[in-house]
Amino acid sequence: LQKASAKLYPGPVRIRNVRLFDPAAKALTEPRDVVVFGNR
């Protein structure tokens, strides 16, 4: 199941048009893009 289901994309992954839950502010941010590269 892991081999068939887990997606490890080459290069950066840009997640567009999301609001983030900010646990320090306990609120949602304005719309953001989040980029993942590797496991960071």
Full PDB file with SEQRES, HELIX, SHEET, SSBOND, CRYST1, ORIGX, SCALE, CONECT and MASTER records, all heavy atoms in Angstrom:
SEQRES   1 A   40  LEU GLN LYS ALA SER ALA LYS LEU TYR PRO GLY PRO VAL          
SEQRES   2 A   40  ARG ILE ARG ASN VAL ARG LEU PHE ASP PRO ALA ALA LYS          
SEQRES   3 A   40  ALA LEU THR GLU PRO ARG ASP VAL VAL VAL PHE GLY ASN          
SEQRES   4 A   40  ARG                                                          
HELIX    1 AA1 GLN A    2  SER A    5  1                                   4    
SHEET    1 AA1 2 VAL A  13  VAL A  18  0                                        
SHEET    2 AA1 2 ARG A  32  VAL A  36 -1                                        
CRYST1    1.000    1.000    1.000  90.00  90.00  90.00 P 1           1          
ORIGX1      1.000000  0.000000  0.000000        0.00000                         
ORIGX2      0.000000  1.000000  0.000000        0.00000                         
ORIGX3      0.000000  0.000000  1.000000        0.00000                         
SCALE1      1.000000  0.000000  0.000000        0.00000                         
SCALE2      0.000000  1.000000  0.000000        0.00000                         
SCALE3      0.000000  0.000000  1.000000        0.00000                         
ATOM      1  N   LEU A   1       0.827  -1.213   0.000  1.00  0.00           N  
ATOM      2  CA  LEU A   1       0.000   0.000   0.000  1.00  0.00           C  
ATOM      3  C   LEU A   1       0.862   1.263   0.000  1.00  0.00           C  
ATOM      4  O   LEU A   1       0.545   2.246  -0.678  1.00  0.00           O  
ATOM      5  CB  LEU A   1      -0.923   0.002   1.219  1.00  0.00           C  
ATOM      6  CG  LEU A   1      -2.196  -0.839   1.123  1.00  0.00           C  
ATOM      7  CD1 LEU A   1      -2.862  -0.946   2.489  1.00  0.00           C  
ATOM      8  CD2 LEU A   1      -3.166  -0.247   0.112  1.00  0.00           C  
ATOM      9  N   GLN A   2       1.950   1.237   0.746  1.00  0.00           N  
ATOM     10  CA  GLN A   2       2.839   2.395   0.784  1.00  0.00           C  
ATOM     11  C   GLN A   2       3.459   2.652  -0.590  1.00  0.00           C  
ATOM     12  O   GLN A   2       3.510   3.793  -1.063  1.00  0.00           O  
ATOM     13  CB  GLN A   2       3.933   2.166   1.841  1.00  0.00           C  
ATOM     14  CG  GLN A   2       5.055   3.194   1.850  1.00  0.00           C  
ATOM     15  CD  GLN A   2       4.672   4.514   2.488  1.00  0.00           C  
ATOM     16  OE1 GLN A   2       3.500   4.842   2.613  1.00  0.00           O  
ATOM     17  NE2 GLN A   2       5.670   5.287   2.893  1.00  0.00           N  
ATOM     18  N   LYS A   3       3.917   1.589  -1.241  1.00  0.00           N  
ATOM     19  CA  LYS A   3       4.533   1.753  -2.560  1.00  0.00           C  
ATOM     20  C   LYS A   3       3.536   2.319  -3.567  1.00  0.00           C  
ATOM     21  O   LYS A   3       3.891   3.135  -4.429  1.00  0.00           O  
ATOM     22  CB  LYS A   3       5.076   0.415  -3.052  1.00  0.00           C  
ATOM     23  CG  LYS A   3       6.340  -0.038  -2.339  1.00  0.00           C  
ATOM     24  CD  LYS A   3       6.827  -1.374  -2.899  1.00  0.00           C  
ATOM     25  CE  LYS A   3       8.116  -1.811  -2.217  1.00  0.00           C  
ATOM     26  NZ  LYS A   3       8.585  -3.128  -2.716  1.00  0.00           N  
ATOM     27  N   ALA A   4       2.272   1.889  -3.455  1.00  0.00           N  
ATOM     28  CA  ALA A   4       1.265   2.325  -4.418  1.00  0.00           C  
ATOM     29  C   ALA A   4       0.722   3.711  -4.103  1.00  0.00           C  
ATOM     30  O   ALA A   4       0.214   4.395  -5.009  1.00  0.00           O  
ATOM     31  CB  ALA A   4       0.120   1.316  -4.456  1.00  0.00           C  
ATOM     32  N   SER A   5       0.812   4.131  -2.847  1.00  0.00           N  
ATOM     33  CA  SER A   5       0.056   5.310  -2.416  1.00  0.00           C  
ATOM     34  C   SER A   5       0.890   6.522  -2.061  1.00  0.00           C  
ATOM     35  O   SER A   5       0.444   7.657  -2.246  1.00  0.00           O  
ATOM     36  CB  SER A   5      -0.818   4.937  -1.209  1.00  0.00           C  
ATOM     37  OG  SER A   5      -1.655   3.840  -1.503  1.00  0.00           O  
ATOM     38  N   ALA A   6       2.078   6.335  -1.496  1.00  0.00           N  
ATOM     39  CA  ALA A   6       2.898   7.475  -1.079  1.00  0.00           C  
ATOM     40  C   ALA A   6       3.551   8.114  -2.298  1.00  0.00           C  
ATOM     41  O   ALA A   6       4.205   7.435  -3.088  1.00  0.00           O  
ATOM     42  CB  ALA A   6       3.959   7.023  -0.087  1.00  0.00           C  
ATOM     43  N   LYS A   7       3.374   9.399  -2.452  1.00  0.00           N  
ATOM     44  CA  LYS A   7       3.926  10.118  -3.591  1.00  0.00           C  
ATOM     45  C   LYS A   7       5.143  10.927  -3.134  1.00  0.00           C  
ATOM     46  O   LYS A   7       5.037  11.809  -2.284  1.00  0.00           O  
ATOM     47  CB  LYS A   7       2.887  11.062  -4.201  1.00  0.00           C  
ATOM     48  CG  LYS A   7       1.558  10.387  -4.560  1.00  0.00           C  
ATOM     49  CD  LYS A   7       1.726   9.266  -5.564  1.00  0.00           C  
ATOM     50  CE  LYS A   7       0.379   8.635  -5.914  1.00  0.00           C  
ATOM     51  NZ  LYS A   7       0.541   7.456  -6.802  1.00  0.00           N  
ATOM     52  N   LEU A   8       6.286  10.594  -3.705  1.00  0.00           N  
ATOM     53  CA  LEU A   8       7.522  11.326  -3.446  1.00  0.00           C  
ATOM     54  C   LEU A   8       7.902  12.038  -4.736  1.00  0.00           C  
ATOM     55  O   LEU A   8       8.473  11.448  -5.649  1.00  0.00           O  
ATOM     56  CB  LEU A   8       8.619  10.367  -2.989  1.00  0.00           C  
ATOM     57  CG  LEU A   8       8.350   9.635  -1.675  1.00  0.00           C  
ATOM     58  CD1 LEU A   8       9.376   8.542  -1.435  1.00  0.00           C  
ATOM     59  CD2 LEU A   8       8.351  10.623  -0.504  1.00  0.00           C  
ATOM     60  N   TYR A   9       7.552  13.306  -4.810  1.00  0.00           N  
ATOM     61  CA  TYR A   9       7.722  14.040  -6.066  1.00  0.00           C  
ATOM     62  C   TYR A   9       9.158  14.528  -6.218  1.00  0.00           C  
ATOM     63  O   TYR A   9       9.778  14.984  -5.243  1.00  0.00           O  
ATOM     64  CB  TYR A   9       6.774  15.241  -6.093  1.00  0.00           C  
ATOM     65  CG  TYR A   9       5.316  14.874  -6.059  1.00  0.00           C  
ATOM     66  CD1 TYR A   9       4.534  15.181  -4.954  1.00  0.00           C  
ATOM     67  CD2 TYR A   9       4.712  14.216  -7.127  1.00  0.00           C  
ATOM     68  CE1 TYR A   9       3.185  14.853  -4.912  1.00  0.00           C  
ATOM     69  CE2 TYR A   9       3.358  13.885  -7.098  1.00  0.00           C  
ATOM     70  CZ  TYR A   9       2.606  14.205  -5.990  1.00  0.00           C  
ATOM     71  OH  TYR A   9       1.271  13.872  -5.953  1.00  0.00           O  
ATOM     72  N   PRO A  10       9.690  14.462  -7.442  1.00  0.00           N  
ATOM     73  CA  PRO A  10      11.011  15.061  -7.685  1.00  0.00           C  
ATOM     74  C   PRO A  10      10.893  16.577  -7.698  1.00  0.00           C  
ATOM     75  O   PRO A  10       9.909  17.134  -8.183  1.00  0.00           O  
ATOM     76  CB  PRO A  10      11.390  14.520  -9.067  1.00  0.00           C  
ATOM     77  CG  PRO A  10      10.081  14.270  -9.746  1.00  0.00           C  
ATOM     78  CD  PRO A  10       9.129  13.836  -8.663  1.00  0.00           C  
ATOM     79  N   GLY A  11      11.863  17.240  -7.138  1.00  0.00           N  
ATOM     80  CA  GLY A  11      11.842  18.695  -7.144  1.00  0.00           C  
ATOM     81  C   GLY A  11      10.875  19.269  -6.133  1.00  0.00           C  
ATOM     82  O   GLY A  11      10.214  18.550  -5.374  1.00  0.00           O  
ATOM     83  N   PRO A  12      10.745  20.592  -6.110  1.00  0.00           N  
ATOM     84  CA  PRO A  12       9.835  21.242  -5.161  1.00  0.00           C  
ATOM     85  C   PRO A  12       8.372  20.936  -5.486  1.00  0.00           C  
ATOM     86  O   PRO A  12       8.007  20.666  -6.630  1.00  0.00           O  
ATOM     87  CB  PRO A  12      10.132  22.736  -5.351  1.00  0.00           C  
ATOM     88  CG  PRO A  12      11.461  22.790  -6.047  1.00  0.00           C  
ATOM     89  CD  PRO A  12      11.534  21.558  -6.892  1.00  0.00           C  
ATOM     90  N   VAL A  13       7.537  21.011  -4.446  1.00  0.00           N  
ATOM     91  CA  VAL A  13       6.083  20.869  -4.594  1.00  0.00           C  
ATOM     92  C   VAL A  13       5.449  22.151  -4.055  1.00  0.00           C  
ATOM     93  O   VAL A  13       5.623  22.496  -2.884  1.00  0.00           O  
ATOM     94  CB  VAL A  13       5.543  19.644  -3.834  1.00  0.00           C  
ATOM     95  CG1 VAL A  13       4.037  19.518  -4.043  1.00  0.00           C  
ATOM     96  CG2 VAL A  13       6.263  18.371  -4.258  1.00  0.00           C  
ATOM     97  N   ARG A  14       4.726  22.861  -4.944  1.00  0.00           N  
ATOM     98  CA  ARG A  14       4.100  24.128  -4.560  1.00  0.00           C  
ATOM     99  C   ARG A  14       2.598  23.908  -4.360  1.00  0.00           C  
ATOM    100  O   ARG A  14       1.885  23.543  -5.290  1.00  0.00           O  
ATOM    101  CB  ARG A  14       4.342  25.192  -5.627  1.00  0.00           C  
ATOM    102  CG  ARG A  14       3.940  26.616  -5.202  1.00  0.00           C  
ATOM    103  CD  ARG A  14       4.409  27.642  -6.232  1.00  0.00           C  
ATOM    104  NE  ARG A  14       5.860  27.648  -6.338  1.00  0.00           N  
ATOM    105  CZ  ARG A  14       6.679  28.448  -5.662  1.00  0.00           C  
ATOM    106  NH1 ARG A  14       6.166  29.325  -4.811  1.00  0.00           N  
ATOM    107  NH2 ARG A  14       7.982  28.370  -5.826  1.00  0.00           N  
ATOM    108  N   ILE A  15       2.134  24.107  -3.137  1.00  0.00           N  
ATOM    109  CA  ILE A  15       0.715  23.981  -2.801  1.00  0.00           C  
ATOM    110  C   ILE A  15       0.123  25.382  -2.836  1.00  0.00           C  
ATOM    111  O   ILE A  15       0.466  26.245  -2.016  1.00  0.00           O  
ATOM    112  CB  ILE A  15       0.534  23.338  -1.417  1.00  0.00           C  
ATOM    113  CG1 ILE A  15       1.279  21.997  -1.354  1.00  0.00           C  
ATOM    114  CG2 ILE A  15      -0.948  23.137  -1.101  1.00  0.00           C  
ATOM    115  CD1 ILE A  15       1.510  21.491   0.049  1.00  0.00           C  
ATOM    116  N   ARG A  16      -0.758  25.620  -3.773  1.00  0.00           N  
ATOM    117  CA  ARG A  16      -1.242  26.964  -4.046  1.00  0.00           C  
ATOM    118  C   ARG A  16      -2.573  27.259  -3.345  1.00  0.00           C  
ATOM    119  O   ARG A  16      -3.402  26.379  -3.169  1.00  0.00           O  
ATOM    120  CB  ARG A  16      -1.436  27.159  -5.555  1.00  0.00           C  
ATOM    121  CG  ARG A  16      -0.127  27.191  -6.344  1.00  0.00           C  
ATOM    122  CD  ARG A  16      -0.372  27.768  -7.740  1.00  0.00           C  
ATOM    123  NE  ARG A  16       0.867  27.950  -8.496  1.00  0.00           N  
ATOM    124  CZ  ARG A  16       1.693  28.975  -8.338  1.00  0.00           C  
ATOM    125  NH1 ARG A  16       1.409  29.916  -7.433  1.00  0.00           N  
ATOM    126  NH2 ARG A  16       2.791  29.069  -9.065  1.00  0.00           N  
ATOM    127  N   ASN A  17      -2.720  28.523  -2.958  1.00  0.00           N  
ATOM    128  CA  ASN A  17      -4.001  29.082  -2.517  1.00  0.00           C  
ATOM    129  C   ASN A  17      -4.589  28.324  -1.335  1.00  0.00           C  
ATOM    130  O   ASN A  17      -5.651  27.714  -1.412  1.00  0.00           O  
ATOM    131  CB  ASN A  17      -4.995  29.122  -3.683  1.00  0.00           C  
ATOM    132  CG  ASN A  17      -6.281  29.854  -3.319  1.00  0.00           C  
ATOM    133  OD1 ASN A  17      -6.306  30.691  -2.415  1.00  0.00           O  
ATOM    134  ND2 ASN A  17      -7.350  29.526  -4.023  1.00  0.00           N  
ATOM    135  N   VAL A  18      -3.870  28.355  -0.244  1.00  0.00           N  
ATOM    136  CA  VAL A  18      -4.359  27.764   0.997  1.00  0.00           C  
ATOM    137  C   VAL A  18      -4.218  28.775   2.123  1.00  0.00           C  
ATOM    138  O   VAL A  18      -3.359  29.662   2.082  1.00  0.00           O  
ATOM    139  CB  VAL A  18      -3.585  26.478   1.362  1.00  0.00           C  
ATOM    140  CG1 VAL A  18      -3.908  25.351   0.402  1.00  0.00           C  
ATOM    141  CG2 VAL A  18      -2.072  26.730   1.394  1.00  0.00           C  
ATOM    142  N   ARG A  19      -5.079  28.663   3.101  1.00  0.00           N  
ATOM    143  CA  ARG A  19      -4.899  29.403   4.340  1.00  0.00           C  
ATOM    144  C   ARG A  19      -4.314  28.434   5.364  1.00  0.00           C  
ATOM    145  O   ARG A  19      -4.712  27.265   5.433  1.00  0.00           O  
ATOM    146  CB  ARG A  19      -6.228  29.992   4.815  1.00  0.00           C  
ATOM    147  CG  ARG A  19      -6.754  31.065   3.865  1.00  0.00           C  
ATOM    148  CD  ARG A  19      -7.893  31.860   4.475  1.00  0.00           C  
ATOM    149  NE  ARG A  19      -9.059  31.022   4.740  1.00  0.00           N  
ATOM    150  CZ  ARG A  19     -10.105  31.404   5.474  1.00  0.00           C  
ATOM    151  NH1 ARG A  19     -10.116  32.608   6.028  1.00  0.00           N  
ATOM    152  NH2 ARG A  19     -11.126  30.608   5.638  1.00  0.00           N  
ATOM    153  N   LEU A  20      -3.376  28.914   6.133  1.00  0.00           N  
ATOM    154  CA  LEU A  20      -2.705  28.068   7.119  1.00  0.00           C  
ATOM    155  C   LEU A  20      -3.324  28.280   8.493  1.00  0.00           C  
ATOM    156  O   LEU A  20      -3.627  29.422   8.879  1.00  0.00           O  
ATOM    157  CB  LEU A  20      -1.212  28.397   7.195  1.00  0.00           C  
ATOM    158  CG  LEU A  20      -0.440  28.591   5.893  1.00  0.00           C  
ATOM    159  CD1 LEU A  20       1.038  28.787   6.199  1.00  0.00           C  
ATOM    160  CD2 LEU A  20      -0.654  27.419   4.958  1.00  0.00           C  
ATOM    161  N   PHE A  21      -3.470  27.190   9.227  1.00  0.00           N  
ATOM    162  CA  PHE A  21      -3.811  27.375  10.629  1.00  0.00           C  
ATOM    163  C   PHE A  21      -2.536  27.688  11.376  1.00  0.00           C  
ATOM    164  O   PHE A  21      -1.584  26.901  11.387  1.00  0.00           O  
ATOM    165  CB  PHE A  21      -4.481  26.145  11.230  1.00  0.00           C  
ATOM    166  CG  PHE A  21      -4.712  26.306  12.712  1.00  0.00           C  
ATOM    167  CD1 PHE A  21      -5.654  27.218  13.177  1.00  0.00           C  
ATOM    168  CD2 PHE A  21      -3.944  25.610  13.633  1.00  0.00           C  
ATOM    169  CE1 PHE A  21      -5.836  27.420  14.543  1.00  0.00           C  
ATOM    170  CE2 PHE A  21      -4.131  25.802  15.001  1.00  0.00           C  
ATOM    171  CZ  PHE A  21      -5.083  26.700  15.451  1.00  0.00           C  
ATOM    172  N   ASP A  22      -2.487  28.855  11.996  1.00  0.00           N  
ATOM    173  CA  ASP A  22      -1.338  29.304  12.784  1.00  0.00           C  
ATOM    174  C   ASP A  22      -1.632  28.996  14.252  1.00  0.00           C  
ATOM    175  O   ASP A  22      -2.445  29.686  14.879  1.00  0.00           O  
ATOM    176  CB  ASP A  22      -1.133  30.805  12.576  1.00  0.00           C  
ATOM    177  CG  ASP A  22       0.046  31.353  13.373  1.00  0.00           C  
ATOM    178  OD1 ASP A  22       0.541  30.665  14.280  1.00  0.00           O  
ATOM    179  OD2 ASP A  22       0.466  32.491  13.085  1.00  0.00           O  
ATOM    180  N   PRO A  23      -1.011  27.978  14.827  1.00  0.00           N  
ATOM    181  CA  PRO A  23      -1.358  27.594  16.199  1.00  0.00           C  
ATOM    182  C   PRO A  23      -0.889  28.593  17.242  1.00  0.00           C  
ATOM    183  O   PRO A  23      -1.424  28.602  18.359  1.00  0.00           O  
ATOM    184  CB  PRO A  23      -0.668  26.240  16.366  1.00  0.00           C  
ATOM    185  CG  PRO A  23       0.440  26.248  15.371  1.00  0.00           C  
ATOM    186  CD  PRO A  23      -0.037  27.063  14.218  1.00  0.00           C  
ATOM    187  N   ALA A  24       0.088  29.419  16.906  1.00  0.00           N  
ATOM    188  CA  ALA A  24       0.510  30.444  17.866  1.00  0.00           C  
ATOM    189  C   ALA A  24      -0.525  31.560  17.949  1.00  0.00           C  
ATOM    190  O   ALA A  24      -0.898  32.004  19.039  1.00  0.00           O  
ATOM    191  CB  ALA A  24       1.879  30.998  17.469  1.00  0.00           C  
ATOM    192  N   ALA A  25      -1.015  31.981  16.780  1.00  0.00           N  
ATOM    193  CA  ALA A  25      -2.041  33.030  16.754  1.00  0.00           C  
ATOM    194  C   ALA A  25      -3.443  32.484  16.967  1.00  0.00           C  
ATOM    195  O   ALA A  25      -4.376  33.240  17.223  1.00  0.00           O  
ATOM    196  CB  ALA A  25      -1.983  33.760  15.408  1.00  0.00           C  
ATOM    197  N   LYS A  26      -3.585  31.171  16.844  1.00  0.00           N  
ATOM    198  CA  LYS A  26      -4.885  30.500  16.949  1.00  0.00           C  
ATOM    199  C   LYS A  26      -5.883  31.084  15.945  1.00  0.00           C  
ATOM    200  O   LYS A  26      -7.037  31.382  16.266  1.00  0.00           O  
ATOM    201  CB  LYS A  26      -5.428  30.577  18.374  1.00  0.00           C  
ATOM    202  CG  LYS A  26      -4.551  29.854  19.405  1.00  0.00           C  
ATOM    203  CD  LYS A  26      -5.145  29.926  20.793  1.00  0.00           C  
ATOM    204  CE  LYS A  26      -4.308  29.146  21.806  1.00  0.00           C  
ATOM    205  NZ  LYS A  26      -2.922  29.660  21.945  1.00  0.00           N  
ATOM    206  N   ALA A  27      -5.416  31.201  14.713  1.00  0.00           N  
ATOM    207  CA  ALA A  27      -6.238  31.791  13.654  1.00  0.00           C  
ATOM    208  C   ALA A  27      -5.708  31.338  12.306  1.00  0.00           C  
ATOM    209  O   ALA A  27      -4.595  30.807  12.198  1.00  0.00           O  
ATOM    210  CB  ALA A  27      -6.202  33.317  13.750  1.00  0.00           C  
ATOM    211  N   LEU A  28      -6.509  31.577  11.274  1.00  0.00           N  
ATOM    212  CA  LEU A  28      -6.074  31.293   9.919  1.00  0.00           C  
ATOM    213  C   LEU A  28      -5.339  32.492   9.341  1.00  0.00           C  
ATOM    214  O   LEU A  28      -5.668  33.645   9.630  1.00  0.00           O  
ATOM    215  CB  LEU A  28      -7.270  30.954   9.020  1.00  0.00           C  
ATOM    216  CG  LEU A  28      -8.094  29.713   9.365  1.00  0.00           C  
ATOM    217  CD1 LEU A  28      -9.086  29.431   8.236  1.00  0.00           C  
ATOM    218  CD2 LEU A  28      -7.218  28.501   9.615  1.00  0.00           C  
ATOM    219  N   THR A  29      -4.361  32.213   8.502  1.00  0.00           N  
ATOM    220  CA  THR A  29      -3.649  33.269   7.798  1.00  0.00           C  
ATOM    221  C   THR A  29      -4.442  33.704   6.567  1.00  0.00           C  
ATOM    222  O   THR A  29      -5.452  33.101   6.204  1.00  0.00           O  
ATOM    223  CB  THR A  29      -2.279  32.767   7.330  1.00  0.00           C  
ATOM    224  OG1 THR A  29      -2.473  31.759   6.320  1.00  0.00           O  
ATOM    225  CG2 THR A  29      -1.474  32.196   8.484  1.00  0.00           C  
ATOM    226  N   GLU A  30      -3.953  34.728   5.925  1.00  0.00           N  
ATOM    227  CA  GLU A  30      -4.429  35.072   4.593  1.00  0.00           C  
ATOM    228  C   GLU A  30      -3.959  33.995   3.615  1.00  0.00           C  
ATOM    229  O   GLU A  30      -3.106  33.173   3.949  1.00  0.00           O  
ATOM    230  CB  GLU A  30      -3.884  36.444   4.181  1.00  0.00           C  
ATOM    231  CG  GLU A  30      -4.425  37.601   5.009  1.00  0.00           C  
ATOM    232  CD  GLU A  30      -5.936  37.699   4.903  1.00  0.00           C  
ATOM    233  OE1 GLU A  30      -6.463  37.645   3.764  1.00  0.00           O  
ATOM    234  OE2 GLU A  30      -6.598  37.811   5.953  1.00  0.00           O  
ATOM    235  N   PRO A  31      -4.495  33.952   2.393  1.00  0.00           N  
ATOM    236  CA  PRO A  31      -4.087  32.913   1.434  1.00  0.00           C  
ATOM    237  C   PRO A  31      -2.569  32.888   1.224  1.00  0.00           C  
ATOM    238  O   PRO A  31      -1.925  33.937   1.112  1.00  0.00           O  
ATOM    239  CB  PRO A  31      -4.833  33.297   0.159  1.00  0.00           C  
ATOM    240  CG  PRO A  31      -6.073  33.980   0.668  1.00  0.00           C  
ATOM    241  CD  PRO A  31      -5.610  34.761   1.855  1.00  0.00           C  
ATOM    242  N   ARG A  32      -2.054  31.699   1.188  1.00  0.00           N  
ATOM    243  CA  ARG A  32      -0.610  31.483   1.063  1.00  0.00           C  
ATOM    244  C   ARG A  32      -0.338  30.382   0.040  1.00  0.00           C  
ATOM    245  O   ARG A  32      -1.211  29.574  -0.288  1.00  0.00           O  
ATOM    246  CB  ARG A  32      -0.003  31.052   2.405  1.00  0.00           C  
ATOM    247  CG  ARG A  32      -0.101  32.076   3.511  1.00  0.00           C  
ATOM    248  CD  ARG A  32       0.972  33.149   3.347  1.00  0.00           C  
ATOM    249  NE  ARG A  32       1.034  34.031   4.495  1.00  0.00           N  
ATOM    250  CZ  ARG A  32       0.372  35.156   4.633  1.00  0.00           C  
ATOM    251  NH1 ARG A  32      -0.465  35.552   3.664  1.00  0.00           N  
ATOM    252  NH2 ARG A  32       0.518  35.914   5.697  1.00  0.00           N  
ATOM    253  N   ASP A  33       0.904  30.341  -0.422  1.00  0.00           N  
ATOM    254  CA  ASP A  33       1.457  29.194  -1.130  1.00  0.00           C  
ATOM    255  C   ASP A  33       2.528  28.584  -0.231  1.00  0.00           C  
ATOM    256  O   ASP A  33       3.313  29.316   0.400  1.00  0.00           O  
ATOM    257  CB  ASP A  33       2.092  29.601  -2.459  1.00  0.00           C  
ATOM    258  CG  ASP A  33       1.076  30.081  -3.489  1.00  0.00           C  
ATOM    259  OD1 ASP A  33      -0.136  29.879  -3.268  1.00  0.00           O  
ATOM    260  OD2 ASP A  33       1.505  30.657  -4.502  1.00  0.00           O  
ATOM    261  N   VAL A  34       2.554  27.267  -0.170  1.00  0.00           N  
ATOM    262  CA  VAL A  34       3.534  26.558   0.647  1.00  0.00           C  
ATOM    263  C   VAL A  34       4.337  25.642  -0.265  1.00  0.00           C  
ATOM    264  O   VAL A  34       3.764  24.901  -1.073  1.00  0.00           O  
ATOM    265  CB  VAL A  34       2.845  25.738   1.756  1.00  0.00           C  
ATOM    266  CG1 VAL A  34       3.865  24.888   2.515  1.00  0.00           C  
ATOM    267  CG2 VAL A  34       2.099  26.657   2.717  1.00  0.00           C  
ATOM    268  N   VAL A  35       5.649  25.684  -0.129  1.00  0.00           N  
ATOM    269  CA  VAL A  35       6.524  24.869  -0.964  1.00  0.00           C  
ATOM    270  C   VAL A  35       7.242  23.847  -0.086  1.00  0.00           C  
ATOM    271  O   VAL A  35       7.788  24.185   0.972  1.00  0.00           O  
ATOM    272  CB  VAL A  35       7.548  25.731  -1.726  1.00  0.00           C  
ATOM    273  CG1 VAL A  35       8.417  24.852  -2.630  1.00  0.00           C  
ATOM    274  CG2 VAL A  35       6.832  26.797  -2.553  1.00  0.00           C  
ATOM    275  N   VAL A  36       7.218  22.597  -0.544  1.00  0.00           N  
ATOM    276  CA  VAL A  36       7.914  21.496   0.126  1.00  0.00           C  
ATOM    277  C   VAL A  36       9.046  21.033  -0.772  1.00  0.00           C  
ATOM    278  O   VAL A  36       8.854  20.822  -1.976  1.00  0.00           O  
ATOM    279  CB  VAL A  36       6.942  20.328   0.410  1.00  0.00           C  
ATOM    280  CG1 VAL A  36       7.699  19.116   0.954  1.00  0.00           C  
ATOM    281  CG2 VAL A  36       5.855  20.761   1.372  1.00  0.00           C  
ATOM    282  N   PHE A  37      10.217  20.875  -0.198  1.00  0.00           N  
ATOM    283  CA  PHE A  37      11.352  20.310  -0.935  1.00  0.00           C  
ATOM    284  C   PHE A  37      11.985  19.241  -0.059  1.00  0.00           C  
ATOM    285  O   PHE A  37      12.414  19.525   1.061  1.00  0.00           O  
ATOM    286  CB  PHE A  37      12.374  21.389  -1.287  1.00  0.00           C  
ATOM    287  CG  PHE A  37      13.528  20.871  -2.114  1.00  0.00           C  
ATOM    288  CD1 PHE A  37      13.324  20.409  -3.404  1.00  0.00           C  
ATOM    289  CD2 PHE A  37      14.806  20.828  -1.586  1.00  0.00           C  
ATOM    290  CE1 PHE A  37      14.377  19.916  -4.162  1.00  0.00           C  
ATOM    291  CE2 PHE A  37      15.866  20.351  -2.336  1.00  0.00           C  
ATOM    292  CZ  PHE A  37      15.650  19.889  -3.635  1.00  0.00           C  
ATOM    293  N   GLY A  38      12.002  18.008  -0.566  1.00  0.00           N  
ATOM    294  CA  GLY A  38      12.436  16.900   0.277  1.00  0.00           C  
ATOM    295  C   GLY A  38      11.440  16.703   1.395  1.00  0.00           C  
ATOM    296  O   GLY A  38      10.237  16.592   1.162  1.00  0.00           O  
ATOM    297  N   ASN A  39      11.940  16.668   2.621  1.00  0.00           N  
ATOM    298  CA  ASN A  39      11.026  16.493   3.753  1.00  0.00           C  
ATOM    299  C   ASN A  39      10.865  17.765   4.570  1.00  0.00           C  
ATOM    300  O   ASN A  39      10.403  17.723   5.711  1.00  0.00           O  
ATOM    301  CB  ASN A  39      11.495  15.348   4.644  1.00  0.00           C  
ATOM    302  CG  ASN A  39      12.784  15.662   5.390  1.00  0.00           C  
ATOM    303  OD1 ASN A  39      13.524  16.576   5.017  1.00  0.00           O  
ATOM    304  ND2 ASN A  39      13.073  14.899   6.425  1.00  0.00           N  
ATOM    305  N   ARG A  40      11.222  18.925   3.962  1.00  0.00           N  
ATOM    306  CA  ARG A  40      11.153  20.199   4.672  1.00  0.00           C  
ATOM    307  C   ARG A  40      10.244  21.185   3.959  1.00  0.00           C  
ATOM    308  O   ARG A  40      10.034  21.116   2.743  1.00  0.00           O  
ATOM    309  CB  ARG A  40      12.553  20.823   4.771  1.00  0.00           C  
ATOM    310  CG  ARG A  40      13.545  20.017   5.586  1.00  0.00           C  
ATOM    311  CD  ARG A  40      13.479  20.352   7.047  1.00  0.00           C  
ATOM    312  NE  ARG A  40      14.355  19.484   7.836  1.00  0.00           N  
ATOM    313  CZ  ARG A  40      14.462  19.552   9.157  1.00  0.00           C  
ATOM    314  NH1 ARG A  40      13.755  20.457   9.831  1.00  0.00           N  
ATOM    315  NH2 ARG A  40      15.245  18.723   9.809  1.00  0.00           N  
TER     316      ARG A  40                                                      
MASTER        0    0    0    1    2    0    0    6  315    1    0    4          
END                                                                             
